[in-house]
Amino acid sequence: AIVNTGVTLAATASFGTAVWAIMGPKSGEEFFTGYLVEQSLSVDNLLVFLILFEYFNVPQESQTRVLKWGIIGAMTMRAIMILLGLAVLESFRPVLLVFAGILIYGSPKIFSGE
């Protein structure tokens, strides 16, 4: 697992550095920011997987394979939802007004601590 993590981090750093060099600092920062956000969300998913493993009594030897496919599935579904959300926002500009209304309605409650 440690070797696999090291190889993954090295590949990510290499790719991010290439993005930075070829597409500029802004694109490089966006890549690394997106990577860190995805890793943070993956940690949350790991907790859910561990709870499910215990609940469904998944054998220890099968957990790595199940976890790998779970992570791939989560990343795939997240990408699909991001692309669908992007398509909706680009096609239906009034959706932005709905989101803006939610933010305007909710922000005083956040700042007042209610």
N, C-alpha and C. Protein backbone atom coordinates (compact mmCIF):
# COMPACT_ATOMS: atom_id res chain seq x y z
N ALA A 1 0.83 -1.20 0.00
CA ALA A 1 0.00 0.00 0.00
C ALA A 1 0.87 1.25 0.00
N ILE A 2 1.98 1.22 0.73
CA ILE A 2 2.85 2.39 0.79
C ILE A 2 3.49 2.64 -0.57
N VAL A 3 3.93 1.58 -1.24
CA VAL A 3 4.54 1.73 -2.56
C VAL A 3 3.50 2.26 -3.55
N ASN A 4 2.30 1.70 -3.50
CA ASN A 4 1.22 2.15 -4.39
C ASN A 4 0.91 3.63 -4.16
N THR A 5 0.85 4.05 -2.89
CA THR A 5 0.59 5.45 -2.57
C THR A 5 1.72 6.34 -3.08
N GLY A 6 2.97 5.89 -2.90
CA GLY A 6 4.11 6.66 -3.39
C GLY A 6 4.11 6.83 -4.89
N VAL A 7 3.80 5.76 -5.60
CA VAL A 7 3.74 5.83 -7.06
C VAL A 7 2.62 6.77 -7.51
N THR A 8 1.47 6.68 -6.85
CA THR A 8 0.34 7.55 -7.20
C THR A 8 0.68 9.01 -6.94
N LEU A 9 1.29 9.30 -5.80
CA LEU A 9 1.66 10.68 -5.50
C LEU A 9 2.72 11.21 -6.47
N ALA A 10 3.68 10.36 -6.84
CA ALA A 10 4.71 10.77 -7.80
C ALA A 10 4.10 11.06 -9.16
N ALA A 11 3.17 10.22 -9.59
CA ALA A 11 2.50 10.44 -10.88
C ALA A 11 1.67 11.72 -10.85
N THR A 12 0.98 11.94 -9.74
CA THR A 12 0.17 13.15 -9.61
C THR A 12 1.05 14.40 -9.62
N ALA A 13 2.14 14.36 -8.87
CA ALA A 13 3.05 15.50 -8.83
C ALA A 13 3.66 15.76 -10.20
N SER A 14 4.02 14.71 -10.91
CA SER A 14 4.59 14.87 -12.26
C SER A 14 3.58 15.47 -13.21
N PHE A 15 2.36 14.96 -13.18
CA PHE A 15 1.33 15.48 -14.07
C PHE A 15 1.01 16.93 -13.72
N GLY A 16 0.87 17.23 -12.43
CA GLY A 16 0.58 18.60 -12.00
C GLY A 16 1.70 19.57 -12.39
N THR A 17 2.93 19.12 -12.28
CA THR A 17 4.06 19.95 -12.69
C THR A 17 4.04 20.20 -14.19
N ALA A 18 3.67 19.18 -14.96
CA ALA A 18 3.55 19.34 -16.42
C ALA A 18 2.44 20.32 -16.76
N VAL A 19 1.31 20.20 -16.07
CA VAL A 19 0.21 21.15 -16.29
C VAL A 19 0.69 22.57 -15.98
N TRP A 20 1.40 22.71 -14.87
CA TRP A 20 1.91 24.02 -14.45
C TRP A 20 2.86 24.60 -15.53
N ALA A 21 3.77 23.76 -16.03
CA ALA A 21 4.76 24.21 -17.00
C ALA A 21 4.15 24.51 -18.37
N ILE A 22 3.19 23.69 -18.80
CA ILE A 22 2.64 23.83 -20.14
C ILE A 22 1.50 24.85 -20.18
N MET A 23 0.62 24.80 -19.19
CA MET A 23 -0.58 25.63 -19.23
C MET A 23 -0.52 26.86 -18.33
N GLY A 24 0.54 26.96 -17.52
CA GLY A 24 0.70 28.15 -16.69
C GLY A 24 0.38 27.89 -15.23
N PRO A 25 0.78 28.83 -14.37
CA PRO A 25 0.60 28.67 -12.92
C PRO A 25 -0.86 28.55 -12.49
N LYS A 26 -1.75 29.30 -13.14
CA LYS A 26 -3.16 29.25 -12.75
C LYS A 26 -3.73 27.84 -12.94
N SER A 27 -3.45 27.25 -14.09
CA SER A 27 -3.94 25.89 -14.35
C SER A 27 -3.30 24.88 -13.41
N GLY A 28 -2.02 25.06 -13.13
CA GLY A 28 -1.34 24.18 -12.19
C GLY A 28 -1.95 24.25 -10.80
N GLU A 29 -2.23 25.48 -10.33
CA GLU A 29 -2.87 25.65 -9.03
C GLU A 29 -4.25 25.01 -9.01
N GLU A 30 -5.00 25.18 -10.09
CA GLU A 30 -6.33 24.58 -10.17
C GLU A 30 -6.24 23.06 -10.11
N PHE A 31 -5.26 22.48 -10.80
CA PHE A 31 -5.12 21.03 -10.77
C PHE A 31 -4.82 20.54 -9.36
N PHE A 32 -3.82 21.15 -8.71
CA PHE A 32 -3.44 20.70 -7.37
C PHE A 32 -4.56 20.95 -6.35
N THR A 33 -5.28 22.05 -6.51
CA THR A 33 -6.42 22.31 -5.62
C THR A 33 -7.50 21.25 -5.80
N GLY A 34 -7.82 20.94 -7.05
CA GLY A 34 -8.81 19.89 -7.31
C GLY A 34 -8.37 18.55 -6.78
N TYR A 35 -7.09 18.26 -6.92
CA TYR A 35 -6.56 16.99 -6.41
C TYR A 35 -6.71 16.91 -4.89
N LEU A 36 -6.36 17.99 -4.20
CA LEU A 36 -6.47 17.99 -2.74
C LEU A 36 -7.92 17.86 -2.28
N VAL A 37 -8.83 18.53 -2.99
CA VAL A 37 -10.25 18.42 -2.64
C VAL A 37 -10.73 16.98 -2.83
N GLU A 38 -10.35 16.37 -3.94
CA GLU A 38 -10.75 14.98 -4.20
C GLU A 38 -10.20 14.04 -3.14
N GLN A 39 -8.95 14.25 -2.74
CA GLN A 39 -8.37 13.40 -1.70
C GLN A 39 -9.11 13.58 -0.37
N SER A 40 -9.48 14.80 -0.06
CA SER A 40 -10.24 15.05 1.18
C SER A 40 -11.58 14.33 1.15
N LEU A 41 -12.25 14.39 0.01
CA LEU A 41 -13.54 13.71 -0.11
C LEU A 41 -13.37 12.19 -0.08
N SER A 42 -12.24 11.70 -0.57
CA SER A 42 -12.00 10.25 -0.56
C SER A 42 -11.83 9.73 0.86
N VAL A 43 -11.24 10.54 1.74
CA VAL A 43 -11.09 10.11 3.13
C VAL A 43 -12.46 9.90 3.76
N ASP A 44 -13.41 10.78 3.45
CA ASP A 44 -14.77 10.63 3.93
C ASP A 44 -15.38 9.33 3.41
N ASN A 45 -15.14 9.03 2.15
CA ASN A 45 -15.65 7.79 1.57
C ASN A 45 -15.04 6.56 2.24
N LEU A 46 -13.77 6.63 2.61
CA LEU A 46 -13.11 5.50 3.27
C LEU A 46 -13.82 5.13 4.56
N LEU A 47 -14.22 6.14 5.33
CA LEU A 47 -14.94 5.88 6.57
C LEU A 47 -16.25 5.14 6.29
N VAL A 48 -16.95 5.59 5.28
CA VAL A 48 -18.21 4.93 4.91
C VAL A 48 -17.94 3.49 4.49
N PHE A 49 -16.88 3.26 3.69
CA PHE A 49 -16.55 1.91 3.26
C PHE A 49 -16.22 1.01 4.45
N LEU A 50 -15.46 1.52 5.40
CA LEU A 50 -15.11 0.71 6.57
C LEU A 50 -16.36 0.32 7.36
N ILE A 51 -17.28 1.25 7.51
CA ILE A 51 -18.53 0.94 8.21
C ILE A 51 -19.32 -0.13 7.45
N LEU A 52 -19.36 0.01 6.11
CA LEU A 52 -20.08 -0.98 5.30
C LEU A 52 -19.40 -2.34 5.34
N PHE A 53 -18.06 -2.37 5.32
CA PHE A 53 -17.34 -3.64 5.42
C PHE A 53 -17.72 -4.37 6.70
N GLU A 54 -17.76 -3.63 7.78
CA GLU A 54 -18.10 -4.26 9.07
C GLU A 54 -19.55 -4.73 9.08
N TYR A 55 -20.44 -3.90 8.55
CA TYR A 55 -21.86 -4.24 8.57
C TYR A 55 -22.14 -5.48 7.73
N PHE A 56 -21.54 -5.55 6.53
CA PHE A 56 -21.80 -6.67 5.62
C PHE A 56 -20.81 -7.82 5.79
N ASN A 57 -19.93 -7.74 6.76
CA ASN A 57 -18.95 -8.79 7.04
C ASN A 57 -18.14 -9.17 5.80
N VAL A 58 -17.59 -8.17 5.13
CA VAL A 58 -16.75 -8.41 3.95
C VAL A 58 -15.43 -9.02 4.43
N PRO A 59 -15.02 -10.15 3.88
CA PRO A 59 -13.76 -10.78 4.31
C PRO A 59 -12.56 -9.86 4.07
N GLN A 60 -11.58 -9.96 4.93
CA GLN A 60 -10.38 -9.12 4.86
C GLN A 60 -9.70 -9.21 3.49
N GLU A 61 -9.63 -10.40 2.93
CA GLU A 61 -8.93 -10.57 1.65
C GLU A 61 -9.68 -9.93 0.48
N SER A 62 -10.97 -9.67 0.63
CA SER A 62 -11.75 -9.05 -0.45
C SER A 62 -11.86 -7.53 -0.30
N GLN A 63 -11.49 -7.00 0.83
CA GLN A 63 -11.70 -5.58 1.10
C GLN A 63 -10.92 -4.68 0.15
N THR A 64 -9.70 -5.04 -0.20
CA THR A 64 -8.91 -4.20 -1.10
C THR A 64 -9.57 -4.08 -2.46
N ARG A 65 -10.03 -5.19 -2.99
CA ARG A 65 -10.68 -5.18 -4.31
C ARG A 65 -11.99 -4.39 -4.26
N VAL A 66 -12.78 -4.63 -3.22
CA VAL A 66 -14.06 -3.92 -3.07
C VAL A 66 -13.81 -2.43 -2.89
N LEU A 67 -12.81 -2.07 -2.11
CA LEU A 67 -12.48 -0.67 -1.87
C LEU A 67 -12.04 0.01 -3.16
N LYS A 68 -11.20 -0.67 -3.94
CA LYS A 68 -10.74 -0.10 -5.20
C LYS A 68 -11.91 0.22 -6.12
N TRP A 69 -12.83 -0.73 -6.25
CA TRP A 69 -13.99 -0.49 -7.11
C TRP A 69 -14.93 0.54 -6.52
N GLY A 70 -15.00 0.60 -5.21
CA GLY A 70 -15.82 1.63 -4.57
C GLY A 70 -15.29 3.02 -4.84
N ILE A 71 -13.97 3.18 -4.76
CA ILE A 71 -13.36 4.48 -5.04
C ILE A 71 -13.53 4.86 -6.50
N ILE A 72 -13.31 3.90 -7.39
CA ILE A 72 -13.50 4.17 -8.82
C ILE A 72 -14.95 4.57 -9.09
N GLY A 73 -15.89 3.86 -8.47
CA GLY A 73 -17.30 4.20 -8.64
C GLY A 73 -17.64 5.58 -8.11
N ALA A 74 -17.09 5.93 -6.94
CA ALA A 74 -17.36 7.24 -6.35
C ALA A 74 -16.79 8.36 -7.23
N MET A 75 -15.59 8.16 -7.74
CA MET A 75 -14.99 9.17 -8.60
C MET A 75 -15.76 9.32 -9.91
N THR A 76 -16.19 8.20 -10.45
CA THR A 76 -16.97 8.24 -11.69
C THR A 76 -18.29 8.97 -11.48
N MET A 77 -18.98 8.64 -10.40
CA MET A 77 -20.27 9.30 -10.14
C MET A 77 -20.08 10.79 -9.88
N ARG A 78 -19.02 11.16 -9.16
CA ARG A 78 -18.75 12.57 -8.90
C ARG A 78 -18.48 13.30 -10.21
N ALA A 79 -17.70 12.71 -11.10
CA ALA A 79 -17.41 13.33 -12.39
C ALA A 79 -18.68 13.51 -13.21
N ILE A 80 -19.53 12.49 -13.20
CA ILE A 80 -20.80 12.59 -13.93
C ILE A 80 -21.65 13.72 -13.37
N MET A 81 -21.74 13.83 -12.05
CA MET A 81 -22.55 14.89 -11.44
C MET A 81 -21.98 16.27 -11.73
N ILE A 82 -20.66 16.40 -11.72
CA ILE A 82 -20.05 17.69 -12.04
C ILE A 82 -20.35 18.07 -13.49
N LEU A 83 -20.21 17.12 -14.40
CA LEU A 83 -20.49 17.41 -15.81
C LEU A 83 -21.96 17.72 -16.05
N LEU A 84 -22.85 16.99 -15.38
CA LEU A 84 -24.28 17.29 -15.51
C LEU A 84 -24.60 18.67 -14.96
N GLY A 85 -24.02 19.00 -13.81
CA GLY A 85 -24.25 20.33 -13.22
C GLY A 85 -23.73 21.43 -14.12
N LEU A 86 -22.57 21.21 -14.73
CA LEU A 86 -22.02 22.18 -15.66
C LEU A 86 -22.93 22.36 -16.87
N ALA A 87 -23.44 21.26 -17.40
CA ALA A 87 -24.34 21.32 -18.55
C ALA A 87 -25.62 22.08 -18.19
N VAL A 88 -26.16 21.82 -17.00
CA VAL A 88 -27.38 22.51 -16.58
C VAL A 88 -27.13 24.00 -16.44
N LEU A 89 -26.01 24.36 -15.81
CA LEU A 89 -25.71 25.77 -15.60
C LEU A 89 -25.45 26.50 -16.92
N GLU A 90 -24.83 25.83 -17.88
CA GLU A 90 -24.57 26.46 -19.17
C GLU A 90 -25.82 26.54 -20.03
N SER A 91 -26.73 25.58 -19.90
CA SER A 91 -27.92 25.55 -20.74
C SER A 91 -29.06 26.38 -20.17
N PHE A 92 -29.18 26.41 -18.85
CA PHE A 92 -30.31 27.07 -18.21
C PHE A 92 -29.80 28.13 -17.24
N ARG A 93 -29.52 29.33 -17.74
CA ARG A 93 -29.00 30.40 -16.90
C ARG A 93 -29.90 30.73 -15.71
N PRO A 94 -31.22 30.58 -15.80
CA PRO A 94 -32.07 30.88 -14.64
C PRO A 94 -31.74 30.02 -13.41
N VAL A 95 -31.10 28.88 -13.63
CA VAL A 95 -30.70 28.04 -12.50
C VAL A 95 -29.74 28.81 -11.60
N LEU A 96 -28.88 29.64 -12.20
CA LEU A 96 -27.96 30.46 -11.41
C LEU A 96 -28.73 31.41 -10.50
N LEU A 97 -29.85 31.94 -10.99
CA LEU A 97 -30.66 32.84 -10.16
C LEU A 97 -31.24 32.10 -8.96
N VAL A 98 -31.62 30.85 -9.15
CA VAL A 98 -32.14 30.05 -8.04
C VAL A 98 -31.04 29.85 -7.00
N PHE A 99 -29.84 29.49 -7.46
CA PHE A 99 -28.73 29.30 -6.52
C PHE A 99 -28.37 30.61 -5.83
N ALA A 100 -28.38 31.70 -6.57
CA ALA A 100 -28.10 33.01 -5.97
C ALA A 100 -29.13 33.34 -4.91
N GLY A 101 -30.40 33.04 -5.19
CA GLY A 101 -31.45 33.28 -4.21
C GLY A 101 -31.25 32.47 -2.94
N ILE A 102 -30.85 31.23 -3.09
CA ILE A 102 -30.57 30.38 -1.92
C ILE A 102 -29.44 30.98 -1.09
N LEU A 103 -28.38 31.44 -1.76
CA LEU A 103 -27.26 32.05 -1.05
C LEU A 103 -27.67 33.34 -0.35
N ILE A 104 -28.44 34.17 -1.02
CA ILE A 104 -28.89 35.43 -0.41
C ILE A 104 -29.80 35.15 0.78
N TYR A 105 -30.66 34.17 0.66
CA TYR A 105 -31.55 33.80 1.76
C TYR A 105 -30.78 33.21 2.94
N GLY A 106 -29.81 32.37 2.65
CA GLY A 106 -29.11 31.64 3.71
C GLY A 106 -27.96 32.38 4.36
N SER A 107 -27.35 33.35 3.66
CA SER A 107 -26.17 33.99 4.21
C SER A 107 -26.42 34.78 5.49
N PRO A 108 -27.53 35.50 5.65
CA PRO A 108 -27.75 36.18 6.94
C PRO A 108 -27.86 35.19 8.11
N LYS A 109 -28.44 34.02 7.85
CA LYS A 109 -28.55 33.02 8.91
C LYS A 109 -27.17 32.50 9.30
N ILE A 110 -26.30 32.33 8.33
CA ILE A 110 -24.95 31.86 8.63
C ILE A 110 -24.19 32.90 9.45
N PHE A 111 -24.28 34.17 9.02
CA PHE A 111 -23.53 35.21 9.72
C PHE A 111 -24.10 35.51 11.11
N SER A 112 -25.40 35.32 11.29
CA SER A 112 -25.99 35.58 12.61
C SER A 112 -25.84 34.39 13.55
N GLY A 113 -25.48 33.23 13.02
CA GLY A 113 -25.26 32.05 13.85
C GLY A 113 -26.52 31.29 14.19
N GLU A 114 -27.60 31.52 13.48
CA GLU A 114 -28.86 30.80 13.75
C GLU A 114 -28.79 29.38 13.29
